Amino acid sequence: MRVLVIEDEARLAATLQDLLELNGYTADVRHDGESGLDDALTGIYDVILLDVMLPKLDGFTVLRRLREAGN
């Protein structure tokens, strides 16, 4: 299972990535809403862990745009 973590707090994001990978998941991290949205729109992720307060685009905007795109 492939997971996208969109989290601007670097230590938290790294911890989440490490824990996911220790449990057999593939995890990618993005630190802002804009790059997170770009990656999420590729459709290769099974799960997205999305922070609400992000630079560039907040989590609510990312989620709204994903839903508008049919995800």
PDB file of N, CA and C in Angstrom:
ATOM      1  N   MET A   1       0.850  -1.169   0.000  1.00  0.00           N
ATOM      2  CA  MET A   1       0.000   0.000   0.000  1.00  0.00           C
ATOM      3  C   MET A   1       0.897   1.233   0.000  1.00  0.00           C
ATOM      4  N   ARG A   2       0.523   2.198  -0.797  1.00  0.00           N
ATOM      5  CA  ARG A   2       1.312   3.422  -0.931  1.00  0.00           C
ATOM      6  C   ARG A   2       0.583   4.579  -0.244  1.00  0.00           C
ATOM      7  N   VAL A   3       1.307   5.295   0.626  1.00  0.00           N
ATOM      8  CA  VAL A   3       0.732   6.362   1.440  1.00  0.00           C
ATOM      9  C   VAL A   3       1.430   7.679   1.125  1.00  0.00           C
ATOM     10  N   LEU A   4       0.643   8.742   0.988  1.00  0.00           N
ATOM     11  CA  LEU A   4       1.183  10.095   0.837  1.00  0.00           C
ATOM     12  C   LEU A   4       0.912  10.842   2.138  1.00  0.00           C
ATOM     13  N   VAL A   5       1.969  11.339   2.758  1.00  0.00           N
ATOM     14  CA  VAL A   5       1.865  12.135   3.975  1.00  0.00           C
ATOM     15  C   VAL A   5       2.093  13.591   3.585  1.00  0.00           C
ATOM     16  N   ILE A   6       1.090  14.429   3.803  1.00  0.00           N
ATOM     17  CA  ILE A   6       1.228  15.865   3.519  1.00  0.00           C
ATOM     18  C   ILE A   6       1.222  16.571   4.873  1.00  0.00           C
ATOM     19  N   GLU A   7       2.409  16.926   5.333  1.00  0.00           N
ATOM     20  CA  GLU A   7       2.604  17.470   6.679  1.00  0.00           C
ATOM     21  C   GLU A   7       3.785  18.426   6.651  1.00  0.00           C
ATOM     22  N   ASP A   8       3.591  19.659   7.146  1.00  0.00           N
ATOM     23  CA  ASP A   8       4.658  20.653   7.088  1.00  0.00           C
ATOM     24  C   ASP A   8       5.638  20.565   8.256  1.00  0.00           C
ATOM     25  N   GLU A   9       5.280  19.925   9.333  1.00  0.00           N
ATOM     26  CA  GLU A   9       6.192  19.746  10.461  1.00  0.00           C
ATOM     27  C   GLU A   9       7.147  18.594  10.125  1.00  0.00           C
ATOM     28  N   ALA A  10       8.396  18.937   9.873  1.00  0.00           N
ATOM     29  CA  ALA A  10       9.369  17.970   9.345  1.00  0.00           C
ATOM     30  C   ALA A  10       9.571  16.762  10.255  1.00  0.00           C
ATOM     31  N   ARG A  11       9.697  16.973  11.554  1.00  0.00           N
ATOM     32  CA  ARG A  11       9.931  15.847  12.471  1.00  0.00           C
ATOM     33  C   ARG A  11       8.730  14.913  12.516  1.00  0.00           C
ATOM     34  N   LEU A  12       7.538  15.472  12.568  1.00  0.00           N
ATOM     35  CA  LEU A  12       6.329  14.647  12.585  1.00  0.00           C
ATOM     36  C   LEU A  12       6.210  13.854  11.285  1.00  0.00           C
ATOM     37  N   ALA A  13       6.443  14.516  10.169  1.00  0.00           N
ATOM     38  CA  ALA A  13       6.366  13.844   8.869  1.00  0.00           C
ATOM     39  C   ALA A  13       7.367  12.700   8.781  1.00  0.00           C
ATOM     40  N   ALA A  14       8.582  12.936   9.254  1.00  0.00           N
ATOM     41  CA  ALA A  14       9.611  11.892   9.220  1.00  0.00           C
ATOM     42  C   ALA A  14       9.239  10.720  10.126  1.00  0.00           C
ATOM     43  N   THR A  15       8.683  11.025  11.288  1.00  0.00           N
ATOM     44  CA  THR A  15       8.259   9.965  12.208  1.00  0.00           C
ATOM     45  C   THR A  15       7.142   9.129  11.594  1.00  0.00           C
ATOM     46  N   LEU A  16       6.148   9.794  10.999  1.00  0.00           N
ATOM     47  CA  LEU A  16       5.063   9.069  10.341  1.00  0.00           C
ATOM     48  C   LEU A  16       5.592   8.194   9.212  1.00  0.00           C
ATOM     49  N   GLN A  17       6.487   8.737   8.422  1.00  0.00           N
ATOM     50  CA  GLN A  17       7.071   7.973   7.318  1.00  0.00           C
ATOM     51  C   GLN A  17       7.817   6.755   7.840  1.00  0.00           C
ATOM     52  N   ASP A  18       8.620   6.929   8.873  1.00  0.00           N
ATOM     53  CA  ASP A  18       9.368   5.806   9.450  1.00  0.00           C
ATOM     54  C   ASP A  18       8.434   4.727   9.980  1.00  0.00           C
ATOM     55  N   LEU A  19       7.408   5.125  10.718  1.00  0.00           N
ATOM     56  CA  LEU A  19       6.462   4.151  11.281  1.00  0.00           C
ATOM     57  C   LEU A  19       5.707   3.401  10.183  1.00  0.00           C
ATOM     58  N   LEU A  20       5.287   4.129   9.164  1.00  0.00           N
ATOM     59  CA  LEU A  20       4.587   3.476   8.065  1.00  0.00           C
ATOM     60  C   LEU A  20       5.497   2.468   7.368  1.00  0.00           C
ATOM     61  N   GLU A  21       6.719   2.865   7.100  1.00  0.00           N
ATOM     62  CA  GLU A  21       7.652   1.978   6.402  1.00  0.00           C
ATOM     63  C   GLU A  21       8.030   0.773   7.255  1.00  0.00           C
ATOM     64  N   LEU A  22       8.138   0.947   8.575  1.00  0.00           N
ATOM     65  CA  LEU A  22       8.407  -0.186   9.464  1.00  0.00           C
ATOM     66  C   LEU A  22       7.279  -1.211   9.436  1.00  0.00           C
ATOM     67  N   ASN A  23       6.088  -0.752   9.084  1.00  0.00           N
ATOM     68  CA  ASN A  23       4.923  -1.633   9.022  1.00  0.00           C
ATOM     69  C   ASN A  23       4.605  -2.095   7.607  1.00  0.00           C
ATOM     70  N   GLY A  24       5.567  -1.928   6.697  1.00  0.00           N
ATOM     71  CA  GLY A  24       5.437  -2.493   5.362  1.00  0.00           C
ATOM     72  C   GLY A  24       4.790  -1.610   4.312  1.00  0.00           C
ATOM     73  N   TYR A  25       4.537  -0.346   4.629  1.00  0.00           N
ATOM     74  CA  TYR A  25       3.946   0.571   3.661  1.00  0.00           C
ATOM     75  C   TYR A  25       5.035   1.348   2.935  1.00  0.00           C
ATOM     76  N   THR A  26       4.710   1.824   1.757  1.00  0.00           N
ATOM     77  CA  THR A  26       5.564   2.769   1.047  1.00  0.00           C
ATOM     78  C   THR A  26       5.005   4.149   1.344  1.00  0.00           C
ATOM     79  N   ALA A  27       5.835   5.053   1.857  1.00  0.00           N
ATOM     80  CA  ALA A  27       5.357   6.364   2.263  1.00  0.00           C
ATOM     81  C   ALA A  27       6.195   7.468   1.632  1.00  0.00           C
ATOM     82  N   ASP A  28       5.512   8.422   1.018  1.00  0.00           N
ATOM     83  CA  ASP A  28       6.149   9.622   0.483  1.00  0.00           C
ATOM     84  C   ASP A  28       5.667  10.814   1.291  1.00  0.00           C
ATOM     85  N   VAL A  29       6.523  11.811   1.445  1.00  0.00           N
ATOM     86  CA  VAL A  29       6.194  12.991   2.248  1.00  0.00           C
ATOM     87  C   VAL A  29       6.297  14.242   1.402  1.00  0.00           C
ATOM     88  N   ARG A  30       5.327  15.115   1.546  1.00  0.00           N
ATOM     89  CA  ARG A  30       5.375  16.456   0.968  1.00  0.00           C
ATOM     90  C   ARG A  30       5.090  17.438   2.092  1.00  0.00           C
ATOM     91  N   HIS A  31       5.749  18.603   2.038  1.00  0.00           N
ATOM     92  CA  HIS A  31       5.685  19.543   3.151  1.00  0.00           C
ATOM     93  C   HIS A  31       4.826  20.774   2.896  1.00  0.00           C
ATOM     94  N   ASP A  32       4.122  20.819   1.791  1.00  0.00           N
ATOM     95  CA  ASP A  32       3.195  21.922   1.551  1.00  0.00           C
ATOM     96  C   ASP A  32       2.012  21.414   0.731  1.00  0.00           C
ATOM     97  N   GLY A  33       0.917  22.150   0.805  1.00  0.00           N
ATOM     98  CA  GLY A  33      -0.297  21.719   0.139  1.00  0.00           C
ATOM     99  C   GLY A  33      -0.196  21.672  -1.373  1.00  0.00           C
ATOM    100  N   GLU A  34       0.558  22.587  -1.936  1.00  0.00           N
ATOM    101  CA  GLU A  34       0.673  22.650  -3.395  1.00  0.00           C
ATOM    102  C   GLU A  34       1.369  21.409  -3.970  1.00  0.00           C
ATOM    103  N   SER A  35       2.527  21.067  -3.430  1.00  0.00           N
ATOM    104  CA  SER A  35       3.223  19.877  -3.933  1.00  0.00           C
ATOM    105  C   SER A  35       2.487  18.602  -3.538  1.00  0.00           C
ATOM    106  N   GLY A  36       1.837  18.623  -2.371  1.00  0.00           N
ATOM    107  CA  GLY A  36       1.042  17.473  -1.963  1.00  0.00           C
ATOM    108  C   GLY A  36      -0.117  17.222  -2.909  1.00  0.00           C
ATOM    109  N   LEU A  37      -0.788  18.283  -3.306  1.00  0.00           N
ATOM    110  CA  LEU A  37      -1.908  18.159  -4.253  1.00  0.00           C
ATOM    111  C   LEU A  37      -1.404  17.624  -5.588  1.00  0.00           C
ATOM    112  N   ASP A  38      -0.292  18.153  -6.073  1.00  0.00           N
ATOM    113  CA  ASP A  38       0.268  17.673  -7.345  1.00  0.00           C
ATOM    114  C   ASP A  38       0.512  16.166  -7.299  1.00  0.00           C
ATOM    115  N   ASP A  39       1.106  15.701  -6.214  1.00  0.00           N
ATOM    116  CA  ASP A  39       1.381  14.267  -6.096  1.00  0.00           C
ATOM    117  C   ASP A  39       0.098  13.465  -5.921  1.00  0.00           C
ATOM    118  N   ALA A  40      -0.821  13.971  -5.127  1.00  0.00           N
ATOM    119  CA  ALA A  40      -2.077  13.257  -4.879  1.00  0.00           C
ATOM    120  C   ALA A  40      -2.868  13.067  -6.164  1.00  0.00           C
ATOM    121  N   LEU A  41      -2.799  14.028  -7.058  1.00  0.00           N
ATOM    122  CA  LEU A  41      -3.550  13.946  -8.314  1.00  0.00           C
ATOM    123  C   LEU A  41      -2.999  12.904  -9.281  1.00  0.00           C
ATOM    124  N   THR A  42      -1.816  12.365  -8.998  1.00  0.00           N
ATOM    125  CA  THR A  42      -1.274  11.329  -9.869  1.00  0.00           C
ATOM    126  C   THR A  42      -2.079  10.043  -9.788  1.00  0.00           C
ATOM    127  N   GLY A  43      -2.778   9.844  -8.676  1.00  0.00           N
ATOM    128  CA  GLY A  43      -3.610   8.655  -8.525  1.00  0.00           C
ATOM    129  C   GLY A  43      -2.867   7.407  -8.101  1.00  0.00           C
ATOM    130  N   ILE A  44      -1.604   7.526  -7.714  1.00  0.00           N
ATOM    131  CA  ILE A  44      -0.834   6.336  -7.347  1.00  0.00           C
ATOM    132  C   ILE A  44      -0.938   5.990  -5.862  1.00  0.00           C
ATOM    133  N   TYR A  45      -1.618   6.822  -5.078  1.00  0.00           N
ATOM    134  CA  TYR A  45      -1.673   6.600  -3.632  1.00  0.00           C
ATOM    135  C   TYR A  45      -2.974   5.934  -3.222  1.00  0.00           C
ATOM    136  N   ASP A  46      -2.849   5.005  -2.274  1.00  0.00           N
ATOM    137  CA  ASP A  46      -4.005   4.322  -1.714  1.00  0.00           C
ATOM    138  C   ASP A  46      -4.605   5.116  -0.559  1.00  0.00           C
ATOM    139  N   VAL A  47      -3.749   5.840   0.167  1.00  0.00           N
ATOM    140  CA  VAL A  47      -4.161   6.603   1.347  1.00  0.00           C
ATOM    141  C   VAL A  47      -3.393   7.919   1.361  1.00  0.00           C
ATOM    142  N   ILE A  48      -4.068   8.977   1.809  1.00  0.00           N
ATOM    143  CA  ILE A  48      -3.408  10.268   1.991  1.00  0.00           C
ATOM    144  C   ILE A  48      -3.636  10.714   3.432  1.00  0.00           C
ATOM    145  N   LEU A  49      -2.538  10.977   4.147  1.00  0.00           N
ATOM    146  CA  LEU A  49      -2.619  11.578   5.475  1.00  0.00           C
ATOM    147  C   LEU A  49      -2.384  13.072   5.277  1.00  0.00           C
ATOM    148  N   LEU A  50      -3.396  13.864   5.568  1.00  0.00           N
ATOM    149  CA  LEU A  50      -3.398  15.275   5.188  1.00  0.00           C
ATOM    150  C   LEU A  50      -3.552  16.176   6.398  1.00  0.00           C
ATOM    151  N   ASP A  51      -2.580  17.042   6.611  1.00  0.00           N
ATOM    152  CA  ASP A  51      -2.652  18.064   7.654  1.00  0.00           C
ATOM    153  C   ASP A  51      -3.597  19.164   7.184  1.00  0.00           C
ATOM    154  N   VAL A  52      -4.198  19.875   8.128  1.00  0.00           N
ATOM    155  CA  VAL A  52      -5.119  20.960   7.769  1.00  0.00           C
ATOM    156  C   VAL A  52      -4.362  22.267   7.547  1.00  0.00           C
ATOM    157  N   MET A  53      -3.444  22.587   8.448  1.00  0.00           N
ATOM    158  CA  MET A  53      -2.717  23.858   8.360  1.00  0.00           C
ATOM    159  C   MET A  53      -1.397  23.616   7.636  1.00  0.00           C
ATOM    160  N   LEU A  54      -1.375  23.999   6.353  1.00  0.00           N
ATOM    161  CA  LEU A  54      -0.205  23.798   5.501  1.00  0.00           C
ATOM    162  C   LEU A  54       0.160  25.092   4.800  1.00  0.00           C
ATOM    163  N   PRO A  55       1.432  25.270   4.444  1.00  0.00           N
ATOM    164  CA  PRO A  55       1.796  26.415   3.603  1.00  0.00           C
ATOM    165  C   PRO A  55       1.309  26.217   2.167  1.00  0.00           C
ATOM    166  N   LYS A  56       1.156  27.302   1.469  1.00  0.00           N
ATOM    167  CA  LYS A  56       0.742  27.393   0.062  1.00  0.00           C
ATOM    168  C   LYS A  56      -0.732  27.065  -0.135  1.00  0.00           C
ATOM    169  N   LEU A  57      -1.185  25.863   0.185  1.00  0.00           N
ATOM    170  CA  LEU A  57      -2.606  25.491   0.138  1.00  0.00           C
ATOM    171  C   LEU A  57      -2.933  24.779   1.438  1.00  0.00           C
ATOM    172  N   ASP A  58      -4.013  25.191   2.116  1.00  0.00           N
ATOM    173  CA  ASP A  58      -4.385  24.492   3.343  1.00  0.00           C
ATOM    174  C   ASP A  58      -5.008  23.133   3.004  1.00  0.00           C
ATOM    175  N   GLY A  59      -5.099  22.276   3.997  1.00  0.00           N
ATOM    176  CA  GLY A  59      -5.603  20.926   3.796  1.00  0.00           C
ATOM    177  C   GLY A  59      -7.027  20.874   3.270  1.00  0.00           C
ATOM    178  N   PHE A  60      -7.876  21.815   3.700  1.00  0.00           N
ATOM    179  CA  PHE A  60      -9.258  21.834   3.208  1.00  0.00           C
ATOM    180  C   PHE A  60      -9.311  22.121   1.708  1.00  0.00           C
ATOM    181  N   THR A  61      -8.450  23.024   1.249  1.00  0.00           N
ATOM    182  CA  THR A  61      -8.402  23.339  -0.183  1.00  0.00           C
ATOM    183  C   THR A  61      -7.868  22.145  -0.969  1.00  0.00           C
ATOM    184  N   VAL A  62      -6.852  21.482  -0.439  1.00  0.00           N
ATOM    185  CA  VAL A  62      -6.313  20.289  -1.093  1.00  0.00           C
ATOM    186  C   VAL A  62      -7.417  19.244  -1.232  1.00  0.00           C
ATOM    187  N   LEU A  63      -8.136  18.992  -0.150  1.00  0.00           N
ATOM    188  CA  LEU A  63      -9.206  17.995  -0.179  1.00  0.00           C
ATOM    189  C   LEU A  63     -10.307  18.383  -1.155  1.00  0.00           C
ATOM    190  N   ARG A  64     -10.688  19.649  -1.154  1.00  0.00           N
ATOM    191  CA  ARG A  64     -11.745  20.110  -2.076  1.00  0.00           C
ATOM    192  C   ARG A  64     -11.330  19.915  -3.522  1.00  0.00           C
ATOM    193  N   ARG A  65     -10.084  20.239  -3.841  1.00  0.00           N
ATOM    194  CA  ARG A  65      -9.599  20.082  -5.222  1.00  0.00           C
ATOM    195  C   ARG A  65      -9.486  18.609  -5.625  1.00  0.00           C
ATOM    196  N   LEU A  66      -9.103  17.766  -4.678  1.00  0.00           N
ATOM    197  CA  LEU A  66      -9.074  16.330  -4.977  1.00  0.00           C
ATOM    198  C   LEU A  66     -10.475  15.805  -5.286  1.00  0.00           C
ATOM    199  N   ARG A  67     -11.438  16.237  -4.503  1.00  0.00           N
ATOM    200  CA  ARG A  67     -12.822  15.796  -4.746  1.00  0.00           C
ATOM    201  C   ARG A  67     -13.374  16.346  -6.047  1.00  0.00           C
ATOM    202  N   GLU A  68     -13.034  17.592  -6.366  1.00  0.00           N
ATOM    203  CA  GLU A  68     -13.456  18.179  -7.641  1.00  0.00           C
ATOM    204  C   GLU A  68     -12.875  17.409  -8.828  1.00  0.00           C
ATOM    205  N   ALA A  69     -11.695  16.827  -8.622  1.00  0.00           N
ATOM    206  CA  ALA A  69     -11.045  16.056  -9.692  1.00  0.00           C
ATOM    207  C   ALA A  69     -11.555  14.615  -9.745  1.00  0.00           C
ATOM    208  N   GLY A  70     -12.499  14.281  -8.883  1.00  0.00           N
ATOM    209  CA  GLY A  70     -13.099  12.959  -8.917  1.00  0.00           C
ATOM    210  C   GLY A  70     -12.428  11.944  -8.006  1.00  0.00           C
ATOM    211  N   ASN A  71     -11.611  12.393  -7.115  1.00  0.00           N
ATOM    212  CA  ASN A  71     -10.935  11.486  -6.166  1.00  0.00           C
ATOM    213  C   ASN A  71     -11.691  11.432  -4.853  1.00  0.00           C
TER     214      ASN A  71
END
